[in-house]
C-alpha atoms as a PDB file:
ATOM      1  CA  MET A   1      57.657   2.456 -19.636  1.00  0.00           C
ATOM      2  CA  PRO A   2      54.590   4.410 -20.876  1.00  0.00           C
ATOM      3  CA  GLU A   3      53.664   4.190 -24.578  1.00  0.00           C
ATOM      4  CA  LYS A   4      54.300   7.813 -25.518  1.00  0.00           C
ATOM      5  CA  ILE A   5      56.500  10.053 -23.446  1.00  0.00           C
ATOM      6  CA  ASN A   6      57.237  13.719 -23.666  1.00  0.00           C
ATOM      7  CA  ALA A   7      59.638  16.027 -21.892  1.00  0.00           C
ATOM      8  CA  LEU A   8      57.003  16.984 -19.291  1.00  0.00           C
ATOM      9  CA  THR A   9      56.104  13.443 -18.198  1.00  0.00           C
ATOM     10  CA  PRO A  10      56.910  13.061 -14.473  1.00  0.00           C
ATOM     11  CA  ILE A  11      60.062  11.015 -13.885  1.00  0.00           C
ATOM     12  CA  GLU A  12      58.245   9.118 -11.119  1.00  0.00           C
ATOM     13  CA  LYS A  13      56.663   6.877 -13.789  1.00  0.00           C
ATOM     14  CA  PHE A  14      60.058   5.388 -14.595  1.00  0.00           C
ATOM     15  CA  ILE A  15      61.518   4.542 -11.197  1.00  0.00           C
ATOM     16  CA  THR A  16      62.675   1.183  -9.935  1.00  0.00           C
ATOM     17  CA  LYS A  17      61.312   0.925  -6.401  1.00  0.00           C
ATOM     18  CA  ASP A  18      63.256  -2.108  -5.142  1.00  0.00           C
ATOM     19  CA  VAL A  19      66.438  -0.341  -4.112  1.00  0.00           C
ATOM     20  CA  PRO A  20      68.989  -1.318  -1.417  1.00  0.00           C
ATOM     21  CA  TYR A  21      68.428   1.367   1.227  1.00  0.00           C
ATOM     22  CA  PHE A  22      70.241   1.266   4.580  1.00  0.00           C
ATOM     23  CA  SER A  23      70.654   3.388   7.663  1.00  0.00           C
ATOM     24  CA  ILE A  24      73.909   5.322   7.726  1.00  0.00           C
ATOM     25  CA  THR A  25      74.731   3.607  11.045  1.00  0.00           C
ATOM     26  CA  GLN A  26      74.791   0.054   9.630  1.00  0.00           C
ATOM     27  CA  ASN A  27      77.945  -1.884   8.900  1.00  0.00           C
ATOM     28  CA  ALA A  28      79.180  -3.723   5.806  1.00  0.00           C
ATOM     29  CA  LYS A  29      77.787  -7.037   7.019  1.00  0.00           C
ATOM     30  CA  ALA A  30      74.206  -5.783   6.549  1.00  0.00           C
ATOM     31  CA  VAL A  31      74.917  -4.948   2.904  1.00  0.00           C
ATOM     32  CA  LYS A  32      76.658  -8.256   2.251  1.00  0.00           C
ATOM     33  CA  THR A  33      73.808 -10.183   3.882  1.00  0.00           C
ATOM     34  CA  LEU A  34      71.269  -8.469   1.641  1.00  0.00           C
ATOM     35  CA  LEU A  35      73.458  -9.137  -1.391  1.00  0.00           C
ATOM     36  CA  LEU A  36      73.590 -12.855  -0.562  1.00  0.00           C
ATOM     37  CA  ASN A  37      69.896 -13.150   0.314  1.00  0.00           C
ATOM     38  CA  GLN A  38      68.416 -10.937  -2.419  1.00  0.00           C
ATOM     39  CA  PRO A  39      70.844 -10.753  -5.349  1.00  0.00           C
ATOM     40  CA  GLU A  40      68.030  -9.699  -7.721  1.00  0.00           C
ATOM     41  CA  LEU A  41      68.091  -6.234  -6.079  1.00  0.00           C
ATOM     42  CA  PHE A  42      71.576  -5.691  -7.459  1.00  0.00           C
ATOM     43  CA  ARG A  43      71.087  -6.921 -11.018  1.00  0.00           C
ATOM     44  CA  ARG A  44      70.251  -3.458 -12.342  1.00  0.00           C
ATOM     45  CA  ILE A  45      71.559  -1.200  -9.575  1.00  0.00           C
ATOM     46  CA  GLY A  46      75.253  -0.836  -8.778  1.00  0.00           C
ATOM     47  CA  HIS A  47      74.906   1.343  -5.699  1.00  0.00           C
ATOM     48  CA  VAL A  48      73.630   1.133  -2.163  1.00  0.00           C
ATOM     49  CA  TYR A  49      71.764   4.143  -0.803  1.00  0.00           C
ATOM     50  CA  PHE A  50      71.822   5.417   2.786  1.00  0.00           C
ATOM     51  CA  HIS A  51      69.414   7.388   4.951  1.00  0.00           C
ATOM     52  CA  ASP A  52      69.699   9.246   8.236  1.00  0.00           C
ATOM     53  CA  ALA A  53      67.570   8.704  11.373  1.00  0.00           C
ATOM     54  CA  SER A  54      64.643  10.584   9.818  1.00  0.00           C
ATOM     55  CA  GLY A  55      64.722   8.454   6.661  1.00  0.00           C
ATOM     56  CA  ARG A  56      66.122  11.160   4.353  1.00  0.00           C
ATOM     57  CA  LEU A  57      68.568  10.190   1.631  1.00  0.00           C
ATOM     58  CA  VAL A  58      72.079  11.243   2.667  1.00  0.00           C
ATOM     59  CA  GLY A  59      74.372   9.424   0.269  1.00  0.00           C
ATOM     60  CA  PHE A  60      75.351   6.346  -1.676  1.00  0.00           C
ATOM     61  CA  ALA A  61      78.251   3.961  -2.094  1.00  0.00           C
ATOM     62  CA  SER A  62      79.425   1.650  -4.821  1.00  0.00           C
ATOM     63  CA  LEU A  63      78.398  -1.938  -4.262  1.00  0.00           C
ATOM     64  CA  ARG A  64      81.771  -3.063  -5.567  1.00  0.00           C
ATOM     65  CA  LYS A  65      83.615  -0.974  -2.986  1.00  0.00           C
ATOM     66  CA  LEU A  66      81.382  -2.078  -0.109  1.00  0.00           C
ATOM     67  CA  SER A  67      81.716  -5.768  -0.956  1.00  0.00           C
ATOM     68  CA  LEU A  68      85.483  -5.545  -0.338  1.00  0.00           C
ATOM     69  CA  LEU A  69      85.164  -4.136   3.192  1.00  0.00           C
ATOM     70  CA  ALA A  70      85.417  -6.146   6.412  1.00  0.00           C
ATOM     71  CA  ASP A  71      82.039  -7.048   7.952  1.00  0.00           C
ATOM     72  CA  ASP A  72      82.419  -4.823  11.000  1.00  0.00           C
ATOM     73  CA  THR A  73      83.422  -1.718   8.985  1.00  0.00           C
ATOM     74  CA  ASN A  74      81.368   1.395   9.670  1.00  0.00           C
ATOM     75  CA  LEU A  75      80.055   2.511   6.278  1.00  0.00           C
ATOM     76  CA  ALA A  76      79.735   6.215   7.079  1.00  0.00           C
ATOM     77  CA  GLN A  77      83.291   6.972   5.896  1.00  0.00           C
ATOM     78  CA  TYR A  78      82.714   5.290   2.501  1.00  0.00           C
ATOM     79  CA  ILE A  79      79.491   7.088   1.630  1.00  0.00           C
ATOM     80  CA  LYS A  80      79.519   9.789  -1.051  1.00  0.00           C
ATOM     81  CA  LYS A  81      77.343  12.591   0.233  1.00  0.00           C
ATOM     82  CA  ASP A  82      77.397  14.825  -2.845  1.00  0.00           C
ATOM     83  CA  ILE A  83      74.629  12.904  -4.536  1.00  0.00           C
ATOM     84  CA  ALA A  84      72.784  13.801  -7.721  1.00  0.00           C
ATOM     85  CA  ARG A  85      69.066  13.436  -7.082  1.00  0.00           C
ATOM     86  CA  CYS A  86      65.776  14.527  -8.533  1.00  0.00           C
ATOM     87  CA  PHE A  87      62.320  15.139  -7.072  1.00  0.00           C
ATOM     88  CA  SER A  88      59.590  12.658  -7.991  1.00  0.00           C
ATOM     89  CA  ASP A  89      57.389  15.317  -9.601  1.00  0.00           C
ATOM     90  CA  SER A  90      60.204  16.638 -11.810  1.00  0.00           C
ATOM     91  CA  SER A  91      59.908  16.296 -15.561  1.00  0.00           C
ATOM     92  CA  ILE A  92      61.797  13.700 -17.564  1.00  0.00           C
ATOM     93  CA  GLU A  93      63.764  16.468 -19.241  1.00  0.00           C
ATOM     94  CA  LYS A  94      64.999  17.826 -15.891  1.00  0.00           C
ATOM     95  CA  ALA A  95      65.939  14.331 -14.661  1.00  0.00           C
ATOM     96  CA  VAL A  96      67.842  13.524 -17.851  1.00  0.00           C
ATOM     97  CA  SER A  97      69.626  16.872 -17.642  1.00  0.00           C
ATOM     98  CA  ILE A  98      70.717  16.162 -14.061  1.00  0.00           C
ATOM     99  CA  ALA A  99      71.891  12.649 -14.943  1.00  0.00           C
ATOM    100  CA  ILE A 100      73.927  13.868 -17.918  1.00  0.00           C
ATOM    101  CA  HIS A 101      75.505  16.862 -16.201  1.00  0.00           C
ATOM    102  CA  ARG A 102      76.372  14.926 -13.045  1.00  0.00           C
ATOM    103  CA  LYS A 103      77.527  11.875 -15.071  1.00  0.00           C
ATOM    104  CA  VAL A 104      75.541   9.354 -13.058  1.00  0.00           C
ATOM    105  CA  THR A 105      74.416   5.905 -14.107  1.00  0.00           C
ATOM    106  CA  ASP A 106      71.534   5.617 -11.636  1.00  0.00           C
ATOM    107  CA  LEU A 107      69.500   8.663 -10.619  1.00  0.00           C
ATOM    108  CA  PRO A 108      67.877   8.580  -7.157  1.00  0.00           C
ATOM    109  CA  ILE A 109      64.356  10.010  -7.022  1.00  0.00           C
ATOM    110  CA  ILE A 110      63.228  11.598  -3.753  1.00  0.00           C
ATOM    111  CA  ASP A 111      59.991  13.038  -2.414  1.00  0.00           C
ATOM    112  CA  LYS A 112      59.606  16.537  -0.970  1.00  0.00           C
ATOM    113  CA  MET A 113      60.738  15.280   2.457  1.00  0.00           C
ATOM    114  CA  GLY A 114      64.010  13.966   0.996  1.00  0.00           C
ATOM    115  CA  LYS A 115      63.084  10.282   1.323  1.00  0.00           C
ATOM    116  CA  LEU A 116      64.109   7.892  -1.434  1.00  0.00           C
ATOM    117  CA  LYS A 117      61.184   6.789  -3.621  1.00  0.00           C
ATOM    118  CA  GLY A 118      63.307   4.783  -6.050  1.00  0.00           C
ATOM    119  CA  VAL A 119      65.990   5.022  -8.704  1.00  0.00           C
ATOM    120  CA  VAL A 120      65.907   5.532 -12.452  1.00  0.00           C
ATOM    121  CA  VAL A 121      68.462   3.005 -13.681  1.00  0.00           C
ATOM    122  CA  SER A 122      70.854   3.610 -16.565  1.00  0.00           C
ATOM    123  CA  GLU A 123      69.049   1.438 -19.106  1.00  0.00           C
ATOM    124  CA  THR A 124      65.813   3.351 -18.458  1.00  0.00           C
ATOM    125  CA  LEU A 125      67.632   6.682 -18.754  1.00  0.00           C
ATOM    126  CA  LEU A 126      69.082   5.598 -22.098  1.00  0.00           C
ATOM    127  CA  ARG A 127      65.655   4.521 -23.419  1.00  0.00           C
ATOM    128  CA  ILE A 128      64.163   7.851 -22.332  1.00  0.00           C
ATOM    129  CA  ILE A 129      66.959   9.816 -24.002  1.00  0.00           C
ATOM    130  CA  GLY A 130      66.598   7.765 -27.166  1.00  0.00           C
ATOM    131  CA  GLU A 131      62.869   8.273 -27.404  1.00  0.00           C
ATOM    132  CA  LEU A 132      62.863  11.945 -26.411  1.00  0.00           C
ATOM    133  CA  TYR A 133      65.723  13.140 -28.545  1.00  0.00           C
ATOM    134  CA  ALA A 134      65.636  10.785 -31.538  1.00  0.00           C
ATOM    135  CA  GLY A 135      62.825  12.848 -33.052  1.00  0.00           C
ATOM    136  CA  LYS A 136      64.849  16.049 -32.834  1.00  0.00           C
ATOM    137  CA  THR A 137      67.826  14.336 -34.426  1.00  0.00           C
ATOM    138  CA  TYR A 138      65.715  12.971 -37.287  1.00  0.00           C
ATOM    139  CA  LYS A 139      64.138  16.374 -37.855  1.00  0.00           C
ATOM    140  CA  HIS A 140      67.568  18.015 -38.106  1.00  0.00           C
ATOM    141  CA  GLY A 141      68.482  15.348 -40.650  1.00  0.00           C
ATOM    142  CA  GLY A 142      65.488  16.328 -42.763  1.00  0.00           C
ATOM    143  CA  ILE A 143      63.301  13.343 -41.970  1.00  0.00           C
ATOM    144  CA  VAL A 144      59.836  14.809 -41.480  1.00  0.00           C
ATOM    145  CA  HIS A 145      56.592  12.906 -41.974  1.00  0.00           C
ATOM    146  CA  ASN A 146      53.009  12.922 -40.742  1.00  0.00           C
ATOM    147  CA  GLU A 147      53.575   9.839 -38.613  1.00  0.00           C
ATOM    148  CA  THR A 148      55.627  10.135 -35.482  1.00  0.00           C
ATOM    149  CA  LEU A 149      59.320  10.326 -36.286  1.00  0.00           C
ATOM    150  CA  TYR A 150      60.066   7.382 -34.051  1.00  0.00           C
ATOM    151  CA  ASP A 151      57.624   5.125 -35.933  1.00  0.00           C
ATOM    152  CA  LEU A 152      58.843   6.367 -39.304  1.00  0.00           C
ATOM    153  CA  VAL A 153      62.488   5.588 -38.663  1.00  0.00           C
ATOM    154  CA  ASN A 154      62.042   2.412 -36.674  1.00  0.00           C
ATOM    155  CA  LYS A 155      59.189   0.868 -38.665  1.00  0.00           C
ATOM    156  CA  GLY A 156      59.518   2.560 -42.059  1.00  0.00           C
ATOM    157  CA  SER A 157      61.132   1.066 -45.111  1.00  0.00           C
ATOM    158  CA  VAL A 158      64.401   2.288 -46.580  1.00  0.00           C
ATOM    159  CA  ALA A 159      62.530   3.685 -49.600  1.00  0.00           C
ATOM    160  CA  MET A 160      60.254   5.725 -47.321  1.00  0.00           C
ATOM    161  CA  LEU A 161      63.255   7.133 -45.449  1.00  0.00           C
ATOM    162  CA  VAL A 162      65.000   8.075 -48.698  1.00  0.00           C
ATOM    163  CA  MET A 163      61.829   9.752 -50.031  1.00  0.00           C
ATOM    164  CA  ALA A 164      61.524  11.748 -46.805  1.00  0.00           C
ATOM    165  CA  ARG A 165      65.057  13.094 -47.306  1.00  0.00           C
ATOM    166  CA  VAL A 166      64.920  13.801 -51.055  1.00  0.00           C
ATOM    167  CA  PRO A 167      63.547  17.373 -50.727  1.00  0.00           C
ATOM    168  CA  TRP A 168      66.403  18.305 -48.391  1.00  0.00           C
ATOM    169  CA  LEU A 169      68.967  16.656 -50.634  1.00  0.00           C
ATOM    170  CA  ILE A 170      67.669  18.700 -53.591  1.00  0.00           C
ATOM    171  CA  VAL A 171      67.863  21.905 -51.540  1.00  0.00           C
ATOM    172  CA  GLY A 172      71.457  21.046 -50.619  1.00  0.00           C
ATOM    173  CA  LEU A 173      72.353  20.297 -54.248  1.00  0.00           C
ATOM    174  CA  VAL A 174      70.875  23.614 -55.427  1.00  0.00           C
ATOM    175  CA  GLY A 175      72.816  25.429 -52.703  1.00  0.00           C
ATOM    176  CA  VAL A 176      76.077  23.818 -53.802  1.00  0.00           C
ATOM    177  CA  LEU A 177      75.400  24.675 -57.465  1.00  0.00           C
ATOM    178  CA  ILE A 178      74.659  28.290 -56.621  1.00  0.00           C
ATOM    179  CA  ALA A 179      77.771  28.561 -54.469  1.00  0.00           C
ATOM    180  CA  ALA A 180      79.971  27.109 -57.219  1.00  0.00           C
END
């Protein structure tokens, strides 16, 4: 993950490229064989992605569901085709918005031709959200400082955090006294 990110950073910088990607014509045995031979592919990703004859992403299926199928089962009927996806040159903010609104744990990233470039996994999405939006949350809480908000809250002392909030606490107290 890059040192400093902002909402306009391309999402492509955060993708996991080792993703289980199969032809839509393959059967369950191919998935199970890959799972047995390369289990590290599935440590962070809970889905298997499928492409058509031209290599374009057409859907995905839960690894859990596929592992229960008989080896000779045609996977086409188990593939979800309404897939949330994002283009590789899209901003982080757009990718996070898609992931949140579509309620996905892993967000496939495609190129302009519709081919899978990789996936942004849930733990990466959560880190991005935390870093992007923590600053806004701190600012709304009245924590403003010359250093970056992230550094202030995560590396600052309790006394520094209290001192950063004191002006806003005084404003709130004066407001309550005036209202009373």
